[in-house]
Amino acid sequence: MRAELATVYVKLMGSLLAYGPENHSGLIEVSLKDDSTLLEVLQELEIPADRVKLVLVNHGAAQLSQLLKEGDKISFFPPEYPVFPDWKGSVVRTGHE
């Protein structure tokens, strides 16, 4: 039995742009097994989790363990981005802080 595939769309910000495909602009399409997590997206793009400070899925706060579904829009922000007080619950904790 084949696993269903889901396509999600990723926007990299700041220094994370270096991890995207060459000459990409806008959203990067990533196809993964249905019910994959944000951490699996990072692994697919070969982005170390400790390089991500903030994650948004469909413009809402998310944690790396969040399950994804077809068409989700993901934004990854690096540590150099300012974090505003209303984002407190969405800051990724890596254990290195």
N, C-alpha and C. Protein backbone atom coordinates (compact mmCIF):
# COMPACT_ATOMS: atom_id res chain seq x y z
N MET A 1 0.84 -1.18 0.00
CA MET A 1 0.00 0.00 0.00
C MET A 1 0.88 1.25 0.00
N ARG A 2 0.61 2.16 -0.90
CA ARG A 2 1.40 3.38 -1.03
C ARG A 2 0.90 4.46 -0.09
N ALA A 3 1.85 5.18 0.51
CA ALA A 3 1.48 6.30 1.37
C ALA A 3 1.05 7.47 0.50
N GLU A 4 0.04 8.19 0.96
CA GLU A 4 -0.40 9.39 0.26
C GLU A 4 0.69 10.45 0.36
N LEU A 5 0.84 11.25 -0.69
CA LEU A 5 1.79 12.36 -0.66
C LEU A 5 1.04 13.66 -0.48
N ALA A 6 1.65 14.57 0.25
CA ALA A 6 1.09 15.90 0.43
C ALA A 6 2.14 16.91 -0.04
N THR A 7 1.68 17.93 -0.73
CA THR A 7 2.57 19.01 -1.15
C THR A 7 2.33 20.20 -0.25
N VAL A 8 3.43 20.71 0.34
CA VAL A 8 3.37 21.90 1.16
C VAL A 8 4.25 22.96 0.49
N TYR A 9 4.07 24.20 0.89
CA TYR A 9 4.78 25.31 0.28
C TYR A 9 5.56 26.05 1.36
N VAL A 10 6.87 26.21 1.13
CA VAL A 10 7.77 26.73 2.15
C VAL A 10 8.36 28.07 1.72
N LYS A 11 8.35 29.01 2.66
CA LYS A 11 8.99 30.31 2.47
C LYS A 11 10.13 30.40 3.46
N LEU A 12 11.34 30.62 2.98
CA LEU A 12 12.51 30.76 3.83
C LEU A 12 12.82 32.25 3.97
N MET A 13 13.17 32.65 5.17
CA MET A 13 13.45 34.05 5.45
C MET A 13 14.91 34.24 5.86
N GLY A 14 15.44 35.44 5.59
CA GLY A 14 16.78 35.82 6.05
C GLY A 14 17.86 34.84 5.64
N SER A 15 18.70 34.47 6.61
CA SER A 15 19.85 33.59 6.33
C SER A 15 19.43 32.18 5.91
N LEU A 16 18.17 31.81 6.14
CA LEU A 16 17.70 30.48 5.72
C LEU A 16 17.55 30.38 4.20
N LEU A 17 17.54 31.51 3.51
CA LEU A 17 17.45 31.49 2.05
C LEU A 17 18.58 30.67 1.43
N ALA A 18 19.72 30.62 2.10
CA ALA A 18 20.87 29.87 1.59
C ALA A 18 20.58 28.37 1.49
N TYR A 19 19.58 27.88 2.20
CA TYR A 19 19.24 26.46 2.17
C TYR A 19 18.25 26.10 1.06
N GLY A 20 17.72 27.08 0.39
CA GLY A 20 16.75 26.83 -0.67
C GLY A 20 17.44 26.47 -1.98
N PRO A 21 16.66 26.00 -2.94
CA PRO A 21 17.22 25.71 -4.26
C PRO A 21 17.80 26.98 -4.88
N GLU A 22 18.81 26.78 -5.70
CA GLU A 22 19.45 27.93 -6.36
C GLU A 22 18.43 28.68 -7.21
N ASN A 23 18.51 30.00 -7.14
CA ASN A 23 17.64 30.89 -7.92
C ASN A 23 16.15 30.74 -7.61
N HIS A 24 15.81 30.28 -6.41
CA HIS A 24 14.39 30.19 -6.08
C HIS A 24 13.88 31.55 -5.66
N SER A 25 12.65 31.77 -5.93
CA SER A 25 12.00 32.99 -5.45
C SER A 25 10.60 32.60 -5.02
N GLY A 26 10.17 33.14 -3.94
CA GLY A 26 8.83 32.80 -3.46
C GLY A 26 8.80 31.49 -2.73
N LEU A 27 7.77 30.71 -2.99
CA LEU A 27 7.54 29.48 -2.25
C LEU A 27 8.24 28.29 -2.88
N ILE A 28 8.73 27.40 -2.02
CA ILE A 28 9.37 26.16 -2.46
C ILE A 28 8.37 25.03 -2.25
N GLU A 29 8.11 24.26 -3.29
CA GLU A 29 7.21 23.11 -3.16
C GLU A 29 7.97 21.93 -2.58
N VAL A 30 7.40 21.32 -1.56
CA VAL A 30 8.00 20.14 -0.94
C VAL A 30 6.91 19.07 -0.86
N SER A 31 7.20 17.88 -1.38
CA SER A 31 6.26 16.76 -1.31
C SER A 31 6.77 15.76 -0.29
N LEU A 32 5.91 15.43 0.66
CA LEU A 32 6.23 14.50 1.74
C LEU A 32 5.07 13.55 1.95
N LYS A 33 5.31 12.51 2.77
CA LYS A 33 4.21 11.64 3.16
C LYS A 33 3.14 12.48 3.86
N ASP A 34 1.90 12.13 3.65
CA ASP A 34 0.81 12.78 4.37
C ASP A 34 1.06 12.61 5.87
N ASP A 35 0.73 13.60 6.64
CA ASP A 35 0.94 13.61 8.09
C ASP A 35 2.41 13.71 8.48
N SER A 36 3.24 14.28 7.62
CA SER A 36 4.62 14.56 7.99
C SER A 36 4.62 15.77 8.92
N THR A 37 5.74 15.98 9.60
CA THR A 37 5.85 17.11 10.53
C THR A 37 6.72 18.22 9.94
N LEU A 38 6.71 19.34 10.62
CA LEU A 38 7.57 20.44 10.21
C LEU A 38 9.04 20.04 10.32
N LEU A 39 9.38 19.24 11.31
CA LEU A 39 10.76 18.77 11.45
C LEU A 39 11.17 17.98 10.21
N GLU A 40 10.27 17.19 9.65
CA GLU A 40 10.58 16.42 8.44
C GLU A 40 10.78 17.34 7.23
N VAL A 41 10.08 18.46 7.20
CA VAL A 41 10.31 19.44 6.12
C VAL A 41 11.72 20.00 6.25
N LEU A 42 12.13 20.35 7.47
CA LEU A 42 13.50 20.83 7.67
C LEU A 42 14.51 19.80 7.23
N GLN A 43 14.28 18.54 7.57
CA GLN A 43 15.19 17.47 7.17
C GLN A 43 15.25 17.33 5.65
N GLU A 44 14.11 17.43 4.99
CA GLU A 44 14.05 17.34 3.53
C GLU A 44 14.87 18.46 2.88
N LEU A 45 14.80 19.65 3.47
CA LEU A 45 15.52 20.81 2.92
C LEU A 45 16.94 20.92 3.47
N GLU A 46 17.33 19.96 4.34
CA GLU A 46 18.66 19.93 4.95
C GLU A 46 18.96 21.21 5.73
N ILE A 47 17.97 21.67 6.49
CA ILE A 47 18.11 22.85 7.34
C ILE A 47 18.22 22.37 8.79
N PRO A 48 19.33 22.69 9.48
CA PRO A 48 19.45 22.30 10.88
C PRO A 48 18.36 22.98 11.72
N ALA A 49 17.72 22.23 12.59
CA ALA A 49 16.63 22.77 13.41
C ALA A 49 17.10 23.94 14.27
N ASP A 50 18.36 23.94 14.68
CA ASP A 50 18.83 25.04 15.52
C ASP A 50 19.02 26.35 14.75
N ARG A 51 18.82 26.31 13.43
CA ARG A 51 18.88 27.54 12.61
C ARG A 51 17.50 28.19 12.49
N VAL A 52 16.48 27.57 13.08
CA VAL A 52 15.11 28.09 12.99
C VAL A 52 14.66 28.61 14.34
N LYS A 53 14.23 29.87 14.37
CA LYS A 53 13.78 30.51 15.61
C LYS A 53 12.26 30.54 15.70
N LEU A 54 11.60 30.68 14.55
CA LEU A 54 10.15 30.86 14.53
C LEU A 54 9.58 30.13 13.32
N VAL A 55 8.43 29.48 13.52
CA VAL A 55 7.75 28.78 12.42
C VAL A 55 6.29 29.19 12.41
N LEU A 56 5.81 29.51 11.23
CA LEU A 56 4.39 29.79 11.03
C LEU A 56 3.83 28.82 9.99
N VAL A 57 2.65 28.30 10.24
CA VAL A 57 1.94 27.47 9.27
C VAL A 57 0.62 28.14 9.00
N ASN A 58 0.38 28.47 7.74
CA ASN A 58 -0.84 29.19 7.35
C ASN A 58 -1.03 30.44 8.21
N HIS A 59 0.08 31.15 8.45
CA HIS A 59 0.12 32.42 9.18
C HIS A 59 -0.13 32.28 10.67
N GLY A 60 -0.12 31.07 11.20
CA GLY A 60 -0.31 30.86 12.64
C GLY A 60 0.92 30.20 13.24
N ALA A 61 1.13 30.43 14.52
CA ALA A 61 2.26 29.87 15.24
C ALA A 61 2.24 28.35 15.18
N ALA A 62 3.43 27.74 15.11
CA ALA A 62 3.53 26.28 15.02
C ALA A 62 4.78 25.80 15.73
N GLN A 63 4.77 24.54 16.12
CA GLN A 63 5.93 23.87 16.69
C GLN A 63 6.43 22.84 15.67
N LEU A 64 7.68 22.42 15.79
CA LEU A 64 8.26 21.51 14.80
C LEU A 64 7.58 20.15 14.77
N SER A 65 6.84 19.80 15.80
CA SER A 65 6.14 18.51 15.84
C SER A 65 4.77 18.55 15.15
N GLN A 66 4.36 19.73 14.68
CA GLN A 66 3.03 19.87 14.07
C GLN A 66 2.91 19.02 12.81
N LEU A 67 1.79 18.31 12.69
CA LEU A 67 1.51 17.52 11.48
C LEU A 67 1.03 18.46 10.38
N LEU A 68 1.42 18.14 9.17
CA LEU A 68 1.08 18.98 8.02
C LEU A 68 0.04 18.29 7.15
N LYS A 69 -0.66 19.13 6.37
CA LYS A 69 -1.63 18.59 5.43
C LYS A 69 -1.44 19.26 4.08
N GLU A 70 -2.04 18.67 3.08
CA GLU A 70 -1.95 19.16 1.70
C GLU A 70 -2.20 20.67 1.64
N GLY A 71 -1.27 21.38 0.97
CA GLY A 71 -1.45 22.79 0.70
C GLY A 71 -1.01 23.74 1.80
N ASP A 72 -0.52 23.21 2.93
CA ASP A 72 -0.08 24.10 4.00
C ASP A 72 1.02 25.03 3.50
N LYS A 73 0.98 26.26 4.00
CA LYS A 73 2.00 27.26 3.69
C LYS A 73 2.82 27.49 4.95
N ILE A 74 4.13 27.27 4.82
CA ILE A 74 5.04 27.28 5.97
C ILE A 74 6.06 28.40 5.79
N SER A 75 6.33 29.13 6.87
CA SER A 75 7.40 30.13 6.87
C SER A 75 8.37 29.79 7.98
N PHE A 76 9.67 29.71 7.63
CA PHE A 76 10.72 29.47 8.60
C PHE A 76 11.54 30.75 8.76
N PHE A 77 11.73 31.19 10.01
CA PHE A 77 12.47 32.40 10.33
C PHE A 77 13.73 32.05 11.12
N PRO A 78 14.88 32.66 10.78
CA PRO A 78 16.13 32.38 11.47
C PRO A 78 16.25 33.19 12.77
N PRO A 79 17.28 32.89 13.58
CA PRO A 79 17.46 33.59 14.85
C PRO A 79 17.63 35.10 14.75
N GLU A 80 18.13 35.60 13.63
CA GLU A 80 18.37 37.05 13.55
C GLU A 80 17.09 37.87 13.39
N TYR A 81 15.95 37.20 13.16
CA TYR A 81 14.69 37.93 13.05
C TYR A 81 14.20 38.32 14.44
N PRO A 82 13.68 39.54 14.59
CA PRO A 82 13.16 39.93 15.90
C PRO A 82 11.91 39.11 16.23
N VAL A 83 11.77 38.78 17.50
CA VAL A 83 10.59 38.06 17.96
C VAL A 83 9.76 39.02 18.79
N PHE A 84 8.54 39.20 18.41
CA PHE A 84 7.65 40.12 19.09
C PHE A 84 6.91 39.41 20.22
N PRO A 85 6.47 40.16 21.25
CA PRO A 85 5.83 39.53 22.41
C PRO A 85 4.67 38.61 22.07
N ASP A 86 3.88 38.93 21.05
CA ASP A 86 2.73 38.09 20.73
C ASP A 86 3.13 36.80 20.02
N TRP A 87 4.42 36.63 19.73
CA TRP A 87 4.91 35.39 19.11
C TRP A 87 5.50 34.45 20.15
N LYS A 88 5.45 34.83 21.43
CA LYS A 88 6.12 34.08 22.48
C LYS A 88 5.86 32.58 22.41
N GLY A 89 4.64 32.16 22.18
CA GLY A 89 4.31 30.75 22.15
C GLY A 89 4.79 30.02 20.92
N SER A 90 5.28 30.73 19.93
CA SER A 90 5.69 30.06 18.69
C SER A 90 7.19 30.02 18.48
N VAL A 91 7.96 30.52 19.46
CA VAL A 91 9.41 30.46 19.35
C VAL A 91 9.84 29.01 19.55
N VAL A 92 10.66 28.52 18.64
CA VAL A 92 11.12 27.14 18.68
C VAL A 92 12.20 27.01 19.75
N ARG A 93 12.05 26.04 20.63
CA ARG A 93 13.04 25.76 21.67
C ARG A 93 13.86 24.55 21.21
N THR A 94 15.17 24.73 21.10
CA THR A 94 16.02 23.65 20.62
C THR A 94 16.77 22.95 21.74
N GLY A 95 16.73 23.50 22.93
CA GLY A 95 17.49 22.93 24.02
C GLY A 95 18.89 23.52 24.13
N HIS A 96 19.26 24.36 23.15
CA HIS A 96 20.58 25.00 23.16
C HIS A 96 20.52 26.38 23.75
N GLU A 97 19.34 26.79 24.25
CA GLU A 97 19.17 28.16 24.75
C GLU A 97 19.32 28.20 26.25
